[in-house]
Amino acid sequence: MSFTSDKRFNDFQHFPRGLRRSGQFTVAEADMLELCGQAMLELYQNKRVPSDDVEKAFLDRVAAGEPAGNPHAKVWFKYLKVIGPRRVHRLCTSGGNVSDEASFDTADESLD
């Protein structure tokens, strides 16, 4: 049997209310992570040897960096993306050096 583990997977550090209540995963994805996530984590960290072809395919997809048709790899990549660092996009400038040619004072004088 693929992805068997004695304990359920929970990441209370990133999801204090649980995977289901986080709003990041569908019910099916949360179920897959809870049931298979511990085995996926051990495979991902090389703490476990793949026991069958399904687990080997998961490791191949993870090594390739693309989930491409593997539902376990797809859920795992989504989990890694959600817990990864947040990217912040700012729409402001630093207000650095302004050239003399773009001065607003000279623009007002030329209008007179």
Protein backbone atom coordinates (compact mmCIF):
# COMPACT_ATOMS: atom_id res chain seq x y z
CA MET A 1 0.00 0.00 0.00
CA SER A 2 1.34 3.42 -0.93
CA PHE A 3 1.98 6.29 1.48
CA THR A 4 1.09 4.37 4.63
CA SER A 5 1.96 5.91 7.97
CA ASP A 6 1.13 5.29 11.60
CA LYS A 7 0.21 8.91 12.31
CA ARG A 8 -1.84 11.56 10.58
CA PHE A 9 -0.15 14.60 9.12
CA ASN A 10 -0.83 17.93 10.81
CA ASP A 11 1.14 21.14 10.51
CA PHE A 12 -0.09 23.22 13.43
CA GLN A 13 2.77 25.68 13.01
CA HIS A 14 1.43 26.89 9.66
CA PHE A 15 -2.21 25.83 10.10
CA PRO A 16 -3.16 26.25 13.78
CA ARG A 17 -6.79 25.35 13.11
CA GLY A 18 -5.94 22.39 10.87
CA LEU A 19 -5.55 21.79 7.17
CA ARG A 20 -9.31 21.58 6.51
CA ARG A 21 -10.12 24.90 8.15
CA SER A 22 -7.25 26.81 6.57
CA GLY A 23 -9.20 27.56 3.40
CA GLN A 24 -6.12 26.77 1.31
CA PHE A 25 -7.06 23.21 0.34
CA THR A 26 -10.15 21.46 -0.95
CA VAL A 27 -11.68 18.73 1.21
CA ALA A 28 -10.12 16.02 -0.99
CA GLU A 29 -6.69 17.69 -0.83
CA ALA A 30 -6.89 18.09 2.95
CA ASP A 31 -7.89 14.42 3.30
CA MET A 32 -4.99 13.32 1.11
CA LEU A 33 -2.53 15.43 3.11
CA GLU A 34 -3.85 14.18 6.44
CA LEU A 35 -3.72 10.52 5.37
CA CYS A 36 -0.58 10.50 3.20
CA GLY A 37 1.24 13.67 4.26
CA GLN A 38 3.47 12.07 6.87
CA ALA A 39 4.73 9.53 4.32
CA MET A 40 5.17 12.29 1.72
CA LEU A 41 7.18 14.35 4.20
CA GLU A 42 9.43 11.41 5.03
CA LEU A 43 9.98 10.68 1.32
CA TYR A 44 10.64 14.36 0.62
CA GLN A 45 13.23 14.52 3.41
CA ASN A 46 14.83 11.20 2.35
CA LYS A 47 13.99 9.63 5.72
CA ARG A 48 12.09 6.84 4.01
CA VAL A 49 12.75 4.58 1.04
CA PRO A 50 9.95 4.33 -1.55
CA SER A 51 8.05 1.07 -1.06
CA ASP A 52 6.36 0.82 -4.48
CA ASP A 53 6.06 2.38 -7.93
CA VAL A 54 3.58 5.03 -6.80
CA GLU A 55 6.00 6.39 -4.22
CA LYS A 56 8.85 6.23 -6.76
CA ALA A 57 6.72 8.21 -9.23
CA PHE A 58 6.05 10.78 -6.49
CA LEU A 59 9.78 11.17 -5.85
CA ASP A 60 10.48 11.46 -9.59
CA ARG A 61 7.92 14.26 -9.92
CA VAL A 62 9.29 16.06 -6.86
CA ALA A 63 12.84 15.77 -8.18
CA ALA A 64 11.70 17.11 -11.56
CA GLY A 65 9.96 20.03 -9.84
CA GLU A 66 6.72 19.47 -11.73
CA PRO A 67 3.59 17.54 -10.59
CA ALA A 68 2.54 16.51 -14.18
CA GLY A 69 -0.18 13.93 -13.69
CA ASN A 70 0.68 12.73 -10.20
CA PRO A 71 -2.08 13.70 -7.72
CA HIS A 72 0.16 13.16 -4.68
CA ALA A 73 2.88 15.40 -6.12
CA LYS A 74 0.29 18.02 -7.08
CA VAL A 75 -1.03 18.23 -3.50
CA TRP A 76 2.50 18.23 -2.07
CA PHE A 77 3.62 21.10 -4.32
CA LYS A 78 0.51 23.06 -3.35
CA TYR A 79 1.32 22.48 0.33
CA LEU A 80 4.92 23.64 -0.17
CA LYS A 81 3.71 26.74 -2.03
CA VAL A 82 1.26 27.64 0.75
CA ILE A 83 3.84 27.31 3.55
CA GLY A 84 6.59 28.99 1.53
CA PRO A 85 7.67 32.58 1.99
CA ARG A 86 5.13 35.23 1.09
CA ARG A 87 5.96 37.59 -1.71
CA VAL A 88 5.10 41.21 -1.09
CA HIS A 89 4.57 43.51 -4.03
CA ARG A 90 4.82 47.20 -3.24
CA LEU A 91 3.53 49.92 -5.51
CA CYS A 92 5.52 52.77 -4.01
CA THR A 93 8.92 54.12 -4.95
CA SER A 94 11.76 54.88 -2.64
CA GLY A 95 11.85 58.56 -3.59
CA GLY A 96 15.48 58.42 -4.56
CA ASN A 97 17.34 61.01 -6.63
CA VAL A 98 15.25 63.30 -8.79
CA SER A 99 17.07 64.86 -11.71
CA ASP A 100 17.06 68.64 -12.20
CA GLU A 101 15.45 68.29 -15.63
CA ALA A 102 12.32 66.85 -14.11
CA SER A 103 11.89 69.65 -11.61
CA PHE A 104 8.35 70.86 -11.15
CA ASP A 105 9.50 74.45 -10.55
CA THR A 106 10.84 74.87 -14.09
CA ALA A 107 7.67 73.41 -15.59
CA ASP A 108 5.52 76.08 -13.91
CA GLU A 109 7.74 78.93 -15.17
CA SER A 110 7.54 77.82 -18.79
CA LEU A 111 3.75 77.98 -18.72
CA ASP A 112 3.69 81.76 -18.05
